[in-house]
Amino acid sequence: MFSVVALRNKTDMFFIACEILKKLCESEEGRGFAGALGHHIRRLASMVQGLEKKVELDKRNGHTEARKEDNLRRLGEAAALYHLLTNK
């Protein structure tokens, strides 16, 4: 039952997936495995760029505070994961 409820909430699943990937990258073997996923890392980089644009638009357009915080939190998690995977 948990999986059905969890799959409906995409925001929570995003953060859970980020945490799992971070735990995977703590080991040397996991980092090697994750580093071999070049296409997915490129998609993550484009996602980070898209979130940066969303955060900038939220600041300019005066969207609700909850939306701003959610996008900013997602950007922070995605950027941290990208830097962990690419060592940049």
N, C-alpha and C. Protein backbone atom coordinates (compact mmCIF):
# COMPACT_ATOMS: atom_id res chain seq x y z
N MET A 1 0.82 -1.19 0.00
CA MET A 1 0.00 0.00 0.00
C MET A 1 0.87 1.26 0.00
N PHE A 2 2.01 1.20 0.69
CA PHE A 2 2.89 2.36 0.73
C PHE A 2 3.36 2.75 -0.66
N SER A 3 3.71 1.77 -1.48
CA SER A 3 4.25 2.09 -2.80
C SER A 3 3.21 2.78 -3.68
N VAL A 4 1.95 2.39 -3.57
CA VAL A 4 0.91 3.03 -4.36
C VAL A 4 0.74 4.48 -3.94
N VAL A 5 0.72 4.74 -2.65
CA VAL A 5 0.57 6.10 -2.15
C VAL A 5 1.82 6.92 -2.48
N ALA A 6 2.99 6.34 -2.33
CA ALA A 6 4.23 7.07 -2.57
C ALA A 6 4.38 7.44 -4.04
N LEU A 7 3.94 6.60 -4.95
CA LEU A 7 4.09 6.90 -6.37
C LEU A 7 3.20 8.05 -6.82
N ARG A 8 2.16 8.34 -6.08
CA ARG A 8 1.28 9.44 -6.44
C ARG A 8 1.90 10.79 -6.09
N ASN A 9 2.76 10.83 -5.13
CA ASN A 9 3.37 12.08 -4.71
C ASN A 9 4.76 12.17 -5.33
N LYS A 10 4.86 12.83 -6.47
CA LYS A 10 6.12 12.89 -7.22
C LYS A 10 7.21 13.65 -6.48
N THR A 11 6.83 14.66 -5.73
CA THR A 11 7.83 15.45 -5.01
C THR A 11 8.54 14.60 -3.97
N ASP A 12 7.77 13.86 -3.18
CA ASP A 12 8.38 12.99 -2.17
C ASP A 12 9.24 11.91 -2.82
N MET A 13 8.77 11.35 -3.92
CA MET A 13 9.54 10.31 -4.59
C MET A 13 10.85 10.87 -5.14
N PHE A 14 10.85 12.11 -5.58
CA PHE A 14 12.07 12.75 -6.07
C PHE A 14 13.12 12.80 -4.97
N PHE A 15 12.70 13.22 -3.78
CA PHE A 15 13.65 13.34 -2.68
C PHE A 15 14.10 11.97 -2.17
N ILE A 16 13.22 11.00 -2.19
CA ILE A 16 13.60 9.64 -1.79
C ILE A 16 14.62 9.08 -2.78
N ALA A 17 14.39 9.27 -4.07
CA ALA A 17 15.33 8.79 -5.08
C ALA A 17 16.69 9.47 -4.94
N CYS A 18 16.70 10.76 -4.65
CA CYS A 18 17.96 11.48 -4.45
C CYS A 18 18.73 10.92 -3.26
N GLU A 19 18.03 10.63 -2.18
CA GLU A 19 18.68 10.07 -1.00
C GLU A 19 19.26 8.69 -1.29
N ILE A 20 18.53 7.87 -2.03
CA ILE A 20 19.02 6.53 -2.38
C ILE A 20 20.28 6.64 -3.23
N LEU A 21 20.27 7.54 -4.21
CA LEU A 21 21.45 7.71 -5.06
C LEU A 21 22.64 8.25 -4.28
N LYS A 22 22.39 9.14 -3.32
CA LYS A 22 23.48 9.65 -2.49
C LYS A 22 24.09 8.54 -1.66
N LYS A 23 23.25 7.67 -1.10
CA LYS A 23 23.74 6.53 -0.32
C LYS A 23 24.55 5.59 -1.20
N LEU A 24 24.10 5.39 -2.43
CA LEU A 24 24.81 4.54 -3.38
C LEU A 24 26.20 5.10 -3.68
N CYS A 25 26.29 6.41 -3.79
CA CYS A 25 27.56 7.05 -4.16
C CYS A 25 28.54 7.15 -2.99
N GLU A 26 28.13 6.74 -1.80
CA GLU A 26 29.05 6.77 -0.66
C GLU A 26 30.14 5.71 -0.80
N SER A 27 29.85 4.62 -1.50
CA SER A 27 30.87 3.58 -1.69
C SER A 27 31.58 3.79 -3.02
N GLU A 28 32.80 3.30 -3.11
CA GLU A 28 33.59 3.44 -4.34
C GLU A 28 32.94 2.67 -5.48
N GLU A 29 32.45 1.48 -5.20
CA GLU A 29 31.80 0.67 -6.22
C GLU A 29 30.53 1.34 -6.73
N GLY A 30 29.77 1.92 -5.83
CA GLY A 30 28.54 2.61 -6.21
C GLY A 30 28.81 3.83 -7.06
N ARG A 31 29.88 4.57 -6.73
CA ARG A 31 30.25 5.74 -7.53
C ARG A 31 30.64 5.33 -8.94
N GLY A 32 31.36 4.22 -9.05
CA GLY A 32 31.75 3.72 -10.38
C GLY A 32 30.55 3.31 -11.20
N PHE A 33 29.59 2.66 -10.55
CA PHE A 33 28.37 2.25 -11.23
C PHE A 33 27.57 3.47 -11.67
N ALA A 34 27.40 4.42 -10.79
CA ALA A 34 26.61 5.62 -11.11
C ALA A 34 27.31 6.47 -12.16
N GLY A 35 28.64 6.50 -12.13
CA GLY A 35 29.38 7.29 -13.11
C GLY A 35 29.27 6.74 -14.52
N ALA A 36 28.95 5.45 -14.63
CA ALA A 36 28.82 4.82 -15.95
C ALA A 36 27.48 5.14 -16.61
N LEU A 37 26.61 5.81 -15.92
CA LEU A 37 25.29 6.16 -16.45
C LEU A 37 25.33 7.54 -17.09
N GLY A 38 26.14 7.71 -18.11
CA GLY A 38 26.37 9.01 -18.73
C GLY A 38 25.12 9.71 -19.19
N HIS A 39 24.23 8.99 -19.85
CA HIS A 39 23.01 9.61 -20.37
C HIS A 39 22.15 10.16 -19.23
N HIS A 40 22.06 9.42 -18.16
CA HIS A 40 21.24 9.87 -17.03
C HIS A 40 21.87 11.07 -16.33
N ILE A 41 23.19 11.12 -16.30
CA ILE A 41 23.86 12.28 -15.70
C ILE A 41 23.62 13.51 -16.55
N ARG A 42 23.62 13.36 -17.87
CA ARG A 42 23.32 14.50 -18.75
C ARG A 42 21.88 14.97 -18.55
N ARG A 43 20.95 14.03 -18.36
CA ARG A 43 19.56 14.40 -18.09
C ARG A 43 19.44 15.13 -16.76
N LEU A 44 20.22 14.69 -15.77
CA LEU A 44 20.23 15.36 -14.47
C LEU A 44 20.76 16.78 -14.61
N ALA A 45 21.80 16.96 -15.44
CA ALA A 45 22.35 18.30 -15.66
C ALA A 45 21.31 19.21 -16.31
N SER A 46 20.56 18.69 -17.28
CA SER A 46 19.53 19.53 -17.91
C SER A 46 18.39 19.81 -16.95
N MET A 47 18.12 18.86 -16.05
CA MET A 47 17.10 19.09 -15.03
C MET A 47 17.52 20.20 -14.07
N VAL A 48 18.79 20.21 -13.70
CA VAL A 48 19.32 21.26 -12.82
C VAL A 48 19.17 22.62 -13.52
N GLN A 49 19.50 22.69 -14.80
CA GLN A 49 19.36 23.94 -15.53
C GLN A 49 17.90 24.39 -15.59
N GLY A 50 17.00 23.44 -15.82
CA GLY A 50 15.57 23.78 -15.85
C GLY A 50 15.07 24.28 -14.50
N LEU A 51 15.53 23.65 -13.43
CA LEU A 51 15.12 24.10 -12.09
C LEU A 51 15.70 25.47 -11.77
N GLU A 52 16.92 25.74 -12.25
CA GLU A 52 17.49 27.08 -12.04
C GLU A 52 16.63 28.13 -12.71
N LYS A 53 16.14 27.84 -13.90
CA LYS A 53 15.26 28.77 -14.61
C LYS A 53 13.94 28.95 -13.86
N LYS A 54 13.38 27.84 -13.35
CA LYS A 54 12.13 27.92 -12.61
C LYS A 54 12.28 28.78 -11.36
N VAL A 55 13.38 28.59 -10.64
CA VAL A 55 13.62 29.37 -9.42
C VAL A 55 13.74 30.84 -9.76
N GLU A 56 14.44 31.15 -10.84
CA GLU A 56 14.60 32.54 -11.25
C GLU A 56 13.25 33.15 -11.65
N LEU A 57 12.44 32.40 -12.37
CA LEU A 57 11.11 32.88 -12.75
C LEU A 57 10.21 33.05 -11.52
N ASP A 58 10.32 32.15 -10.56
CA ASP A 58 9.52 32.27 -9.34
C ASP A 58 9.88 33.55 -8.59
N LYS A 59 11.16 33.89 -8.59
CA LYS A 59 11.58 35.12 -7.90
C LYS A 59 11.03 36.34 -8.60
N ARG A 60 11.07 36.34 -9.94
CA ARG A 60 10.60 37.50 -10.68
C ARG A 60 9.10 37.64 -10.71
N ASN A 61 8.38 36.52 -10.80
CA ASN A 61 6.93 36.58 -10.97
C ASN A 61 6.15 36.59 -9.67
N GLY A 62 6.82 36.43 -8.55
CA GLY A 62 6.14 36.50 -7.27
C GLY A 62 5.16 35.37 -7.02
N HIS A 63 5.55 34.15 -7.34
CA HIS A 63 4.68 33.00 -7.07
C HIS A 63 4.59 32.76 -5.56
N THR A 64 3.73 31.85 -5.19
CA THR A 64 3.51 31.56 -3.77
C THR A 64 4.80 31.08 -3.12
N GLU A 65 4.89 31.32 -1.84
CA GLU A 65 6.10 30.97 -1.09
C GLU A 65 6.32 29.45 -1.08
N ALA A 66 5.25 28.69 -1.00
CA ALA A 66 5.38 27.23 -0.98
C ALA A 66 5.98 26.72 -2.29
N ARG A 67 5.54 27.28 -3.40
CA ARG A 67 6.07 26.87 -4.71
C ARG A 67 7.55 27.25 -4.83
N LYS A 68 7.90 28.43 -4.37
CA LYS A 68 9.30 28.88 -4.42
C LYS A 68 10.18 27.95 -3.60
N GLU A 69 9.74 27.63 -2.39
CA GLU A 69 10.53 26.78 -1.51
C GLU A 69 10.69 25.37 -2.08
N ASP A 70 9.62 24.85 -2.67
CA ASP A 70 9.68 23.51 -3.25
C ASP A 70 10.67 23.46 -4.41
N ASN A 71 10.60 24.43 -5.31
CA ASN A 71 11.53 24.45 -6.44
C ASN A 71 12.96 24.68 -5.98
N LEU A 72 13.16 25.52 -4.99
CA LEU A 72 14.50 25.77 -4.47
C LEU A 72 15.06 24.53 -3.79
N ARG A 73 14.23 23.82 -3.06
CA ARG A 73 14.66 22.58 -2.39
C ARG A 73 15.02 21.52 -3.42
N ARG A 74 14.19 21.38 -4.46
CA ARG A 74 14.47 20.42 -5.53
C ARG A 74 15.77 20.77 -6.24
N LEU A 75 16.00 22.06 -6.48
CA LEU A 75 17.23 22.49 -7.13
C LEU A 75 18.44 22.13 -6.28
N GLY A 76 18.36 22.36 -4.99
CA GLY A 76 19.47 22.03 -4.09
C GLY A 76 19.79 20.55 -4.10
N GLU A 77 18.77 19.71 -4.04
CA GLU A 77 18.99 18.26 -4.05
C GLU A 77 19.57 17.80 -5.38
N ALA A 78 19.00 18.28 -6.48
CA ALA A 78 19.47 17.86 -7.80
C ALA A 78 20.90 18.33 -8.05
N ALA A 79 21.21 19.56 -7.66
CA ALA A 79 22.57 20.08 -7.85
C ALA A 79 23.58 19.32 -7.00
N ALA A 80 23.21 19.01 -5.76
CA ALA A 80 24.11 18.24 -4.89
C ALA A 80 24.37 16.86 -5.47
N LEU A 81 23.35 16.22 -5.97
CA LEU A 81 23.51 14.90 -6.56
C LEU A 81 24.36 14.97 -7.82
N TYR A 82 24.14 15.98 -8.65
CA TYR A 82 24.93 16.13 -9.87
C TYR A 82 26.41 16.33 -9.53
N HIS A 83 26.69 17.17 -8.57
CA HIS A 83 28.08 17.41 -8.18
C HIS A 83 28.72 16.16 -7.56
N LEU A 84 27.93 15.38 -6.84
CA LEU A 84 28.43 14.15 -6.27
C LEU A 84 28.77 13.13 -7.37
N LEU A 85 27.93 13.05 -8.39
CA LEU A 85 28.16 12.10 -9.46
C LEU A 85 29.28 12.51 -10.41
N THR A 86 29.47 13.80 -10.60
CA THR A 86 30.46 14.25 -11.58
C THR A 86 31.76 14.73 -10.93
N ASN A 87 31.78 14.86 -9.62
CA ASN A 87 32.96 15.35 -8.89
C ASN A 87 33.36 16.75 -9.36
N LYS A 88 32.38 17.58 -9.73
CA LYS A 88 32.67 18.96 -10.15
C LYS A 88 32.32 19.91 -9.04
